[in-house]
Amino acid sequence: MGISSREIFMSEAFSAGLGMALGLVMSQHMLQAMRPPERVGVERILICQKCAAQNPIENKFCGKCGQSLYPPTQITCQKCGSKMPITMKFCGNCGSETNKTK
């Protein structure tokens, strides 16, 4: 009993179909691998220097502890010219009083 030509034809057709299916699947995977990654939205946050809580960029004060999230305005010492936060009453460099205390 030999293999008939019909059985050979069916075997070749099956092999061709299987190869074509594998080719289609492989091409889909290759296209997905070559596609640029989707952009992920980046959330901008501010970290509180006092309690390390994460706050939305729109906040001016920490939602957890109330600390200001932005540095205070700077002033210049009239005597030595060094910069300091507006909240200081005396210059940290020369010790003279700021205009705020006078």
PDB file of N, CA and C in Angstrom:
ATOM      1  N   MET A   1       0.814  -1.170   0.000  1.00  0.00           N
ATOM      2  CA  MET A   1       0.000   0.000   0.000  1.00  0.00           C
ATOM      3  C   MET A   1       0.863   1.240   0.000  1.00  0.00           C
ATOM      4  N   GLY A   2       0.765   1.946  -0.997  1.00  0.00           N
ATOM      5  CA  GLY A   2       1.518   3.174  -1.140  1.00  0.00           C
ATOM      6  C   GLY A   2       0.654   4.387  -0.826  1.00  0.00           C
ATOM      7  N   ILE A   3       1.286   5.510  -0.823  1.00  0.00           N
ATOM      8  CA  ILE A   3       0.573   6.762  -0.574  1.00  0.00           C
ATOM      9  C   ILE A   3       0.042   7.244  -1.904  1.00  0.00           C
ATOM     10  N   SER A   4      -1.225   7.581  -1.895  1.00  0.00           N
ATOM     11  CA  SER A   4      -1.844   8.037  -3.137  1.00  0.00           C
ATOM     12  C   SER A   4      -1.480   9.489  -3.397  1.00  0.00           C
ATOM     13  N   SER A   5      -1.652   9.893  -4.619  1.00  0.00           N
ATOM     14  CA  SER A   5      -1.346  11.277  -4.988  1.00  0.00           C
ATOM     15  C   SER A   5      -2.306  12.242  -4.300  1.00  0.00           C
ATOM     16  N   ARG A   6      -3.502  11.784  -4.011  1.00  0.00           N
ATOM     17  CA  ARG A   6      -4.466  12.643  -3.309  1.00  0.00           C
ATOM     18  C   ARG A   6      -3.991  12.903  -1.885  1.00  0.00           C
ATOM     19  N   GLU A   7      -3.440  11.900  -1.215  1.00  0.00           N
ATOM     20  CA  GLU A   7      -2.943  12.061   0.152  1.00  0.00           C
ATOM     21  C   GLU A   7      -1.731  12.993   0.173  1.00  0.00           C
ATOM     22  N   ILE A   8      -0.884  12.889  -0.832  1.00  0.00           N
ATOM     23  CA  ILE A   8       0.281  13.774  -0.934  1.00  0.00           C
ATOM     24  C   ILE A   8      -0.181  15.217  -1.142  1.00  0.00           C
ATOM     25  N   PHE A   9      -1.168  15.401  -2.029  1.00  0.00           N
ATOM     26  CA  PHE A   9      -1.706  16.732  -2.290  1.00  0.00           C
ATOM     27  C   PHE A   9      -2.309  17.329  -1.023  1.00  0.00           C
ATOM     28  N   MET A  10      -3.078  16.524  -0.252  1.00  0.00           N
ATOM     29  CA  MET A  10      -3.707  16.994   0.986  1.00  0.00           C
ATOM     30  C   MET A  10      -2.637  17.360   2.011  1.00  0.00           C
ATOM     31  N   SER A  11      -1.590  16.582   2.092  1.00  0.00           N
ATOM     32  CA  SER A  11      -0.509  16.833   3.027  1.00  0.00           C
ATOM     33  C   SER A  11       0.210  18.136   2.673  1.00  0.00           C
ATOM     34  N   GLU A  12       0.466  18.334   1.388  1.00  0.00           N
ATOM     35  CA  GLU A  12       1.132  19.563   0.942  1.00  0.00           C
ATOM     36  C   GLU A  12       0.238  20.779   1.167  1.00  0.00           C
ATOM     37  N   ALA A  13      -1.062  20.631   0.921  1.00  0.00           N
ATOM     38  CA  ALA A  13      -2.002  21.734   1.129  1.00  0.00           C
ATOM     39  C   ALA A  13      -2.078  22.093   2.606  1.00  0.00           C
ATOM     40  N   PHE A  14      -2.094  21.070   3.467  1.00  0.00           N
ATOM     41  CA  PHE A  14      -2.131  21.312   4.903  1.00  0.00           C
ATOM     42  C   PHE A  14      -0.857  22.032   5.346  1.00  0.00           C
ATOM     43  N   SER A  15       0.281  21.578   4.858  1.00  0.00           N
ATOM     44  CA  SER A  15       1.560  22.195   5.215  1.00  0.00           C
ATOM     45  C   SER A  15       1.613  23.646   4.742  1.00  0.00           C
ATOM     46  N   ALA A  16       1.126  23.895   3.557  1.00  0.00           N
ATOM     47  CA  ALA A  16       1.121  25.263   3.027  1.00  0.00           C
ATOM     48  C   ALA A  16       0.199  26.145   3.860  1.00  0.00           C
ATOM     49  N   GLY A  17      -0.956  25.622   4.228  1.00  0.00           N
ATOM     50  CA  GLY A  17      -1.900  26.395   5.058  1.00  0.00           C
ATOM     51  C   GLY A  17      -1.331  26.686   6.428  1.00  0.00           C
ATOM     52  N   LEU A  18      -0.674  25.677   7.012  1.00  0.00           N
ATOM     53  CA  LEU A  18      -0.060  25.852   8.328  1.00  0.00           C
ATOM     54  C   LEU A  18       1.066  26.885   8.256  1.00  0.00           C
ATOM     55  N   GLY A  19       1.875  26.820   7.225  1.00  0.00           N
ATOM     56  CA  GLY A  19       2.958  27.788   7.053  1.00  0.00           C
ATOM     57  C   GLY A  19       2.430  29.195   6.864  1.00  0.00           C
ATOM     58  N   MET A  20       1.347  29.331   6.109  1.00  0.00           N
ATOM     59  CA  MET A  20       0.753  30.647   5.878  1.00  0.00           C
ATOM     60  C   MET A  20       0.185  31.209   7.182  1.00  0.00           C
ATOM     61  N   ALA A  21      -0.469  30.370   7.969  1.00  0.00           N
ATOM     62  CA  ALA A  21      -1.024  30.819   9.245  1.00  0.00           C
ATOM     63  C   ALA A  21       0.092  31.272  10.187  1.00  0.00           C
ATOM     64  N   LEU A  22       1.158  30.501  10.258  1.00  0.00           N
ATOM     65  CA  LEU A  22       2.289  30.895  11.103  1.00  0.00           C
ATOM     66  C   LEU A  22       2.923  32.195  10.621  1.00  0.00           C
ATOM     67  N   GLY A  23       3.006  32.376   9.321  1.00  0.00           N
ATOM     68  CA  GLY A  23       3.554  33.612   8.764  1.00  0.00           C
ATOM     69  C   GLY A  23       2.710  34.823   9.139  1.00  0.00           C
ATOM     70  N   LEU A  24       1.389  34.673   9.094  1.00  0.00           N
ATOM     71  CA  LEU A  24       0.495  35.778   9.466  1.00  0.00           C
ATOM     72  C   LEU A  24       0.634  36.124  10.950  1.00  0.00           C
ATOM     73  N   VAL A  25       0.702  35.106  11.787  1.00  0.00           N
ATOM     74  CA  VAL A  25       0.829  35.339  13.230  1.00  0.00           C
ATOM     75  C   VAL A  25       2.168  36.014  13.530  1.00  0.00           C
ATOM     76  N   MET A  26       3.233  35.531  12.917  1.00  0.00           N
ATOM     77  CA  MET A  26       4.554  36.114  13.144  1.00  0.00           C
ATOM     78  C   MET A  26       4.614  37.566  12.681  1.00  0.00           C
ATOM     79  N   SER A  27       3.984  37.859  11.546  1.00  0.00           N
ATOM     80  CA  SER A  27       4.024  39.237  11.042  1.00  0.00           C
ATOM     81  C   SER A  27       3.269  40.174  11.981  1.00  0.00           C
ATOM     82  N   GLN A  28       2.162  39.703  12.575  1.00  0.00           N
ATOM     83  CA  GLN A  28       1.427  40.542  13.524  1.00  0.00           C
ATOM     84  C   GLN A  28       2.285  40.836  14.751  1.00  0.00           C
ATOM     85  N   HIS A  29       2.982  39.831  15.253  1.00  0.00           N
ATOM     86  CA  HIS A  29       3.845  40.038  16.416  1.00  0.00           C
ATOM     87  C   HIS A  29       5.006  40.974  16.083  1.00  0.00           C
ATOM     88  N   MET A  30       5.544  40.865  14.903  1.00  0.00           N
ATOM     89  CA  MET A  30       6.650  41.743  14.511  1.00  0.00           C
ATOM     90  C   MET A  30       6.174  43.186  14.388  1.00  0.00           C
ATOM     91  N   LEU A  31       4.979  43.384  13.843  1.00  0.00           N
ATOM     92  CA  LEU A  31       4.444  44.745  13.726  1.00  0.00           C
ATOM     93  C   LEU A  31       4.211  45.359  15.098  1.00  0.00           C
ATOM     94  N   GLN A  32       3.711  44.573  16.043  1.00  0.00           N
ATOM     95  CA  GLN A  32       3.493  45.079  17.399  1.00  0.00           C
ATOM     96  C   GLN A  32       4.822  45.431  18.073  1.00  0.00           C
ATOM     97  N   ALA A  33       5.841  44.624  17.820  1.00  0.00           N
ATOM     98  CA  ALA A  33       7.151  44.891  18.422  1.00  0.00           C
ATOM     99  C   ALA A  33       7.795  46.144  17.842  1.00  0.00           C
ATOM    100  N   MET A  34       7.530  46.436  16.577  1.00  0.00           N
ATOM    101  CA  MET A  34       8.140  47.595  15.924  1.00  0.00           C
ATOM    102  C   MET A  34       7.355  48.877  16.158  1.00  0.00           C
ATOM    103  N   ARG A  35       6.127  48.776  16.639  1.00  0.00           N
ATOM    104  CA  ARG A  35       5.293  49.953  16.877  1.00  0.00           C
ATOM    105  C   ARG A  35       5.897  50.773  18.019  1.00  0.00           C
ATOM    106  N   PRO A  36       5.940  52.100  17.875  1.00  0.00           N
ATOM    107  CA  PRO A  36       6.482  52.921  18.965  1.00  0.00           C
ATOM    108  C   PRO A  36       5.591  52.791  20.198  1.00  0.00           C
ATOM    109  N   PRO A  37       6.174  52.895  21.389  1.00  0.00           N
ATOM    110  CA  PRO A  37       5.383  52.759  22.609  1.00  0.00           C
ATOM    111  C   PRO A  37       4.365  53.882  22.731  1.00  0.00           C
ATOM    112  N   GLU A  38       3.247  53.551  23.361  1.00  0.00           N
ATOM    113  CA  GLU A  38       2.215  54.568  23.574  1.00  0.00           C
ATOM    114  C   GLU A  38       2.722  55.571  24.599  1.00  0.00           C
ATOM    115  N   ARG A  39       2.323  56.805  24.399  1.00  0.00           N
ATOM    116  CA  ARG A  39       2.735  57.848  25.341  1.00  0.00           C
ATOM    117  C   ARG A  39       1.910  57.721  26.611  1.00  0.00           C
ATOM    118  N   VAL A  40       2.599  57.734  27.704  1.00  0.00           N
ATOM    119  CA  VAL A  40       1.954  57.645  28.999  1.00  0.00           C
ATOM    120  C   VAL A  40       1.922  59.044  29.581  1.00  0.00           C
ATOM    121  N   GLY A  41       0.789  59.445  30.105  1.00  0.00           N
ATOM    122  CA  GLY A  41       0.674  60.767  30.701  1.00  0.00           C
ATOM    123  C   GLY A  41       1.574  60.882  31.919  1.00  0.00           C
ATOM    124  N   VAL A  42       2.326  61.961  32.005  1.00  0.00           N
ATOM    125  CA  VAL A  42       3.222  62.190  33.125  1.00  0.00           C
ATOM    126  C   VAL A  42       2.541  63.150  34.077  1.00  0.00           C
ATOM    127  N   GLU A  43       2.428  62.729  35.316  1.00  0.00           N
ATOM    128  CA  GLU A  43       1.811  63.584  36.325  1.00  0.00           C
ATOM    129  C   GLU A  43       2.912  64.375  37.014  1.00  0.00           C
ATOM    130  N   ARG A  44       2.798  65.681  36.980  1.00  0.00           N
ATOM    131  CA  ARG A  44       3.797  66.526  37.620  1.00  0.00           C
ATOM    132  C   ARG A  44       3.355  66.785  39.049  1.00  0.00           C
ATOM    133  N   ILE A  45       4.263  66.550  39.986  1.00  0.00           N
ATOM    134  CA  ILE A  45       3.955  66.718  41.396  1.00  0.00           C
ATOM    135  C   ILE A  45       5.060  67.507  42.078  1.00  0.00           C
ATOM    136  N   LEU A  46       4.725  68.050  43.234  1.00  0.00           N
ATOM    137  CA  LEU A  46       5.708  68.712  44.100  1.00  0.00           C
ATOM    138  C   LEU A  46       5.816  67.890  45.371  1.00  0.00           C
ATOM    139  N   ILE A  47       7.041  67.673  45.831  1.00  0.00           N
ATOM    140  CA  ILE A  47       7.274  66.941  47.066  1.00  0.00           C
ATOM    141  C   ILE A  47       7.505  67.955  48.184  1.00  0.00           C
ATOM    142  N   CYS A  48       6.729  67.831  49.248  1.00  0.00           N
ATOM    143  CA  CYS A  48       6.877  68.734  50.387  1.00  0.00           C
ATOM    144  C   CYS A  48       8.219  68.480  51.063  1.00  0.00           C
ATOM    145  N   GLN A  49       8.976  69.543  51.355  1.00  0.00           N
ATOM    146  CA  GLN A  49      10.282  69.397  51.987  1.00  0.00           C
ATOM    147  C   GLN A  49      10.162  69.086  53.471  1.00  0.00           C
ATOM    148  N   LYS A  50       8.985  69.331  54.046  1.00  0.00           N
ATOM    149  CA  LYS A  50       8.793  69.078  55.474  1.00  0.00           C
ATOM    150  C   LYS A  50       8.336  67.645  55.745  1.00  0.00           C
ATOM    151  N   CYS A  51       7.306  67.169  55.008  1.00  0.00           N
ATOM    152  CA  CYS A  51       6.730  65.852  55.317  1.00  0.00           C
ATOM    153  C   CYS A  51       6.858  64.844  54.177  1.00  0.00           C
ATOM    154  N   ALA A  52       7.420  65.238  53.035  1.00  0.00           N
ATOM    155  CA  ALA A  52       7.635  64.378  51.859  1.00  0.00           C
ATOM    156  C   ALA A  52       6.346  63.913  51.186  1.00  0.00           C
ATOM    157  N   ALA A  53       5.237  64.588  51.434  1.00  0.00           N
ATOM    158  CA  ALA A  53       3.975  64.240  50.772  1.00  0.00           C
ATOM    159  C   ALA A  53       4.007  64.697  49.323  1.00  0.00           C
ATOM    160  N   GLN A  54       3.322  63.969  48.460  1.00  0.00           N
ATOM    161  CA  GLN A  54       3.216  64.342  47.046  1.00  0.00           C
ATOM    162  C   GLN A  54       2.005  65.242  46.867  1.00  0.00           C
ATOM    163  N   ASN A  55       2.212  66.376  46.197  1.00  0.00           N
ATOM    164  CA  ASN A  55       1.155  67.357  45.987  1.00  0.00           C
ATOM    165  C   ASN A  55       1.043  67.692  44.509  1.00  0.00           C
ATOM    166  N   PRO A  56      -0.184  67.976  44.021  1.00  0.00           N
ATOM    167  CA  PRO A  56      -0.332  68.413  42.626  1.00  0.00           C
ATOM    168  C   PRO A  56       0.446  69.703  42.395  1.00  0.00           C
ATOM    169  N   ILE A  57       0.905  69.897  41.178  1.00  0.00           N
ATOM    170  CA  ILE A  57       1.728  71.055  40.822  1.00  0.00           C
ATOM    171  C   ILE A  57       0.973  72.375  41.054  1.00  0.00           C
ATOM    172  N   GLU A  58      -0.353  72.328  41.045  1.00  0.00           N
ATOM    173  CA  GLU A  58      -1.152  73.545  41.222  1.00  0.00           C
ATOM    174  C   GLU A  58      -1.174  74.028  42.670  1.00  0.00           C
ATOM    175  N   ASN A  59      -0.880  73.129  43.626  1.00  0.00           N
ATOM    176  CA  ASN A  59      -0.930  73.505  45.040  1.00  0.00           C
ATOM    177  C   ASN A  59       0.168  74.501  45.384  1.00  0.00           C
ATOM    178  N   LYS A  60      -0.170  75.455  46.267  1.00  0.00           N
ATOM    179  CA  LYS A  60       0.822  76.388  46.793  1.00  0.00           C
ATOM    180  C   LYS A  60       1.288  75.931  48.168  1.00  0.00           C
ATOM    181  N   PHE A  61       0.437  75.160  48.840  1.00  0.00           N
ATOM    182  CA  PHE A  61       0.743  74.666  50.172  1.00  0.00           C
ATOM    183  C   PHE A  61       0.510  73.161  50.214  1.00  0.00           C
ATOM    184  N   CYS A  62       1.242  72.471  51.075  1.00  0.00           N
ATOM    185  CA  CYS A  62       1.134  71.017  51.210  1.00  0.00           C
ATOM    186  C   CYS A  62      -0.250  70.648  51.734  1.00  0.00           C
ATOM    187  N   GLY A  63      -0.872  69.678  51.107  1.00  0.00           N
ATOM    188  CA  GLY A  63      -2.190  69.225  51.523  1.00  0.00           C
ATOM    189  C   GLY A  63      -2.146  68.406  52.803  1.00  0.00           C
ATOM    190  N   LYS A  64      -0.964  67.936  53.201  1.00  0.00           N
ATOM    191  CA  LYS A  64      -0.845  67.098  54.403  1.00  0.00           C
ATOM    192  C   LYS A  64      -0.453  67.910  55.632  1.00  0.00           C
ATOM    193  N   CYS A  65       0.541  68.806  55.491  1.00  0.00           N
ATOM    194  CA  CYS A  65       1.041  69.531  56.675  1.00  0.00           C
ATOM    195  C   CYS A  65       0.856  71.047  56.594  1.00  0.00           C
ATOM    196  N   GLY A  66       0.482  71.591  55.429  1.00  0.00           N
ATOM    197  CA  GLY A  66       0.261  73.030  55.294  1.00  0.00           C
ATOM    198  C   GLY A  66       1.508  73.844  54.989  1.00  0.00           C
ATOM    199  N   GLN A  67       2.661  73.202  54.863  1.00  0.00           N
ATOM    200  CA  GLN A  67       3.920  73.892  54.559  1.00  0.00           C
ATOM    201  C   GLN A  67       3.860  74.507  53.156  1.00  0.00           C
ATOM    202  N   SER A  68       4.431  75.697  52.989  1.00  0.00           N
ATOM    203  CA  SER A  68       4.506  76.319  51.671  1.00  0.00           C
ATOM    204  C   SER A  68       5.363  75.448  50.765  1.00  0.00           C
ATOM    205  N   LEU A  69       4.904  75.212  49.536  1.00  0.00           N
ATOM    206  CA  LEU A  69       5.637  74.374  48.596  1.00  0.00           C
ATOM    207  C   LEU A  69       6.621  75.161  47.749  1.00  0.00           C
ATOM    208  N   TYR A  70       6.548  76.480  47.787  1.00  0.00           N
ATOM    209  CA  TYR A  70       7.451  77.326  47.009  1.00  0.00           C
ATOM    210  C   TYR A  70       8.312  78.136  47.957  1.00  0.00           C
ATOM    211  N   PRO A  71       9.556  78.430  47.573  1.00  0.00           N
ATOM    212  CA  PRO A  71      10.422  79.211  48.463  1.00  0.00           C
ATOM    213  C   PRO A  71       9.880  80.631  48.637  1.00  0.00           C
ATOM    214  N   PRO A  72      10.131  81.219  49.812  1.00  0.00           N
ATOM    215  CA  PRO A  72       9.655  82.590  50.028  1.00  0.00           C
ATOM    216  C   PRO A  72      10.411  83.584  49.152  1.00  0.00           C
ATOM    217  N   THR A  73       9.840  84.752  48.978  1.00  0.00           N
ATOM    218  CA  THR A  73      10.456  85.818  48.205  1.00  0.00           C
ATOM    219  C   THR A  73      11.786  86.219  48.846  1.00  0.00           C
ATOM    220  N   GLN A  74      12.748  86.564  48.030  1.00  0.00           N
ATOM    221  CA  GLN A  74      14.082  86.946  48.519  1.00  0.00           C
ATOM    222  C   GLN A  74      14.165  88.464  48.694  1.00  0.00           C
ATOM    223  N   ILE A  75      14.889  88.890  49.728  1.00  0.00           N
ATOM    224  CA  ILE A  75      15.207  90.303  49.931  1.00  0.00           C
ATOM    225  C   ILE A  75      16.731  90.426  50.024  1.00  0.00           C
ATOM    226  N   THR A  76      17.234  91.628  49.887  1.00  0.00           N
ATOM    227  CA  THR A  76      18.674  91.882  49.955  1.00  0.00           C
ATOM    228  C   THR A  76      18.980  92.682  51.212  1.00  0.00           C
ATOM    229  N   CYS A  77      20.000  92.254  51.938  1.00  0.00           N
ATOM    230  CA  CYS A  77      20.433  92.979  53.136  1.00  0.00           C
ATOM    231  C   CYS A  77      20.979  94.349  52.717  1.00  0.00           C
ATOM    232  N   GLN A  78      20.534  95.403  53.411  1.00  0.00           N
ATOM    233  CA  GLN A  78      20.972  96.762  53.096  1.00  0.00           C
ATOM    234  C   GLN A  78      22.437  96.985  53.451  1.00  0.00           C
ATOM    235  N   LYS A  79      22.966  96.238  54.442  1.00  0.00           N
ATOM    236  CA  LYS A  79      24.332  96.442  54.911  1.00  0.00           C
ATOM    237  C   LYS A  79      25.356  95.656  54.086  1.00  0.00           C
ATOM    238  N   CYS A  80      25.130  94.334  53.884  1.00  0.00           N
ATOM    239  CA  CYS A  80      26.156  93.517  53.220  1.00  0.00           C
ATOM    240  C   CYS A  80      25.751  93.027  51.825  1.00  0.00           C
ATOM    241  N   GLY A  81      24.486  93.174  51.460  1.00  0.00           N
ATOM    242  CA  GLY A  81      24.033  92.804  50.123  1.00  0.00           C
ATOM    243  C   GLY A  81      23.718  91.328  49.913  1.00  0.00           C
ATOM    244  N   SER A  82      23.743  90.520  50.971  1.00  0.00           N
ATOM    245  CA  SER A  82      23.433  89.096  50.784  1.00  0.00           C
ATOM    246  C   SER A  82      21.915  88.884  50.657  1.00  0.00           C
ATOM    247  N   LYS A  83      21.571  87.836  49.932  1.00  0.00           N
ATOM    248  CA  LYS A  83      20.163  87.501  49.703  1.00  0.00           C
ATOM    249  C   LYS A  83      19.669  86.612  50.835  1.00  0.00           C
ATOM    250  N   MET A  84      18.403  86.820  51.219  1.00  0.00           N
ATOM    251  CA  MET A  84      17.785  86.007  52.271  1.00  0.00           C
ATOM    252  C   MET A  84      16.274  85.985  52.074  1.00  0.00           C
ATOM    253  N   PRO A  85      15.603  85.003  52.665  1.00  0.00           N
ATOM    254  CA  PRO A  85      14.141  84.956  52.548  1.00  0.00           C
ATOM    255  C   PRO A  85      13.508  86.151  53.243  1.00  0.00           C
ATOM    256  N   ILE A  86      12.371  86.564  52.751  1.00  0.00           N
ATOM    257  CA  ILE A  86      11.671  87.721  53.306  1.00  0.00           C
ATOM    258  C   ILE A  86      11.215  87.468  54.738  1.00  0.00           C
ATOM    259  N   THR A  87      11.153  86.224  55.136  1.00  0.00           N
ATOM    260  CA  THR A  87      10.687  85.871  56.476  1.00  0.00           C
ATOM    261  C   THR A  87      11.738  86.129  57.557  1.00  0.00           C
ATOM    262  N   MET A  88      12.999  86.369  57.175  1.00  0.00           N
ATOM    263  CA  MET A  88      14.072  86.589  58.168  1.00  0.00           C
ATOM    264  C   MET A  88      14.010  88.010  58.720  1.00  0.00           C
ATOM    265  N   LYS A  89      14.239  88.124  60.030  1.00  0.00           N
ATOM    266  CA  LYS A  89      14.249  89.431  60.685  1.00  0.00           C
ATOM    267  C   LYS A  89      15.660  90.011  60.766  1.00  0.00           C
ATOM    268  N   PHE A  90      16.656  89.117  60.765  1.00  0.00           N
ATOM    269  CA  PHE A  90      18.050  89.543  60.832  1.00  0.00           C
ATOM    270  C   PHE A  90      18.828  88.842  59.728  1.00  0.00           C
ATOM    271  N   CYS A  91      19.823  89.519  59.198  1.00  0.00           N
ATOM    272  CA  CYS A  91      20.662  88.960  58.133  1.00  0.00           C
ATOM    273  C   CYS A  91      21.473  87.797  58.689  1.00  0.00           C
ATOM    274  N   GLY A  92      21.478  86.694  57.963  1.00  0.00           N
ATOM    275  CA  GLY A  92      22.248  85.526  58.383  1.00  0.00           C
ATOM    276  C   GLY A  92      23.736  85.695  58.152  1.00  0.00           C
ATOM    277  N   ASN A  93      24.140  86.680  57.357  1.00  0.00           N
ATOM    278  CA  ASN A  93      25.550  86.909  57.046  1.00  0.00           C
ATOM    279  C   ASN A  93      26.196  87.918  57.993  1.00  0.00           C
ATOM    280  N   CYS A  94      25.546  89.070  58.201  1.00  0.00           N
ATOM    281  CA  CYS A  94      26.161  90.127  59.022  1.00  0.00           C
ATOM    282  C   CYS A  94      25.395  90.407  60.316  1.00  0.00           C
ATOM    283  N   GLY A  95      24.183  89.878  60.474  1.00  0.00           N
ATOM    284  CA  GLY A  95      23.432  90.042  61.709  1.00  0.00           C
ATOM    285  C   GLY A  95      22.631  91.329  61.803  1.00  0.00           C
ATOM    286  N   SER A  96      22.685  92.171  60.789  1.00  0.00           N
ATOM    287  CA  SER A  96      21.944  93.436  60.876  1.00  0.00           C
ATOM    288  C   SER A  96      20.445  93.173  60.683  1.00  0.00           C
ATOM    289  N   GLU A  97      19.648  94.100  61.226  1.00  0.00           N
ATOM    290  CA  GLU A  97      18.196  93.977  61.109  1.00  0.00           C
ATOM    291  C   GLU A  97      17.771  94.257  59.662  1.00  0.00           C
ATOM    292  N   THR A  98      16.745  93.548  59.228  1.00  0.00           N
ATOM    293  CA  THR A  98      16.204  93.812  57.892  1.00  0.00           C
ATOM    294  C   THR A  98      15.224  94.962  57.986  1.00  0.00           C
ATOM    295  N   ASN A  99      14.818  95.487  56.853  1.00  0.00           N
ATOM    296  CA  ASN A  99      13.850  96.589  56.812  1.00  0.00           C
ATOM    297  C   ASN A  99      12.506  96.148  57.411  1.00  0.00           C
ATOM    298  N   LYS A 100      12.276  94.888  57.432  1.00  0.00           N
ATOM    299  CA  LYS A 100      11.000  94.355  57.924  1.00  0.00           C
ATOM    300  C   LYS A 100      10.826  94.601  59.411  1.00  0.00           C
ATOM    301  N   THR A 101      11.917  94.605  60.199  1.00  0.00           N
ATOM    302  CA  THR A 101      11.827  94.783  61.645  1.00  0.00           C
ATOM    303  C   THR A 101      11.889  96.232  62.071  1.00  0.00           C
ATOM    304  N   LYS A 102      12.290  97.113  61.199  1.00  0.00           N
ATOM    305  CA  LYS A 102      12.448  98.527  61.569  1.00  0.00           C
ATOM    306  C   LYS A 102      11.143  99.264  61.499  1.00  0.00           C
TER     307      LYS A 102
END
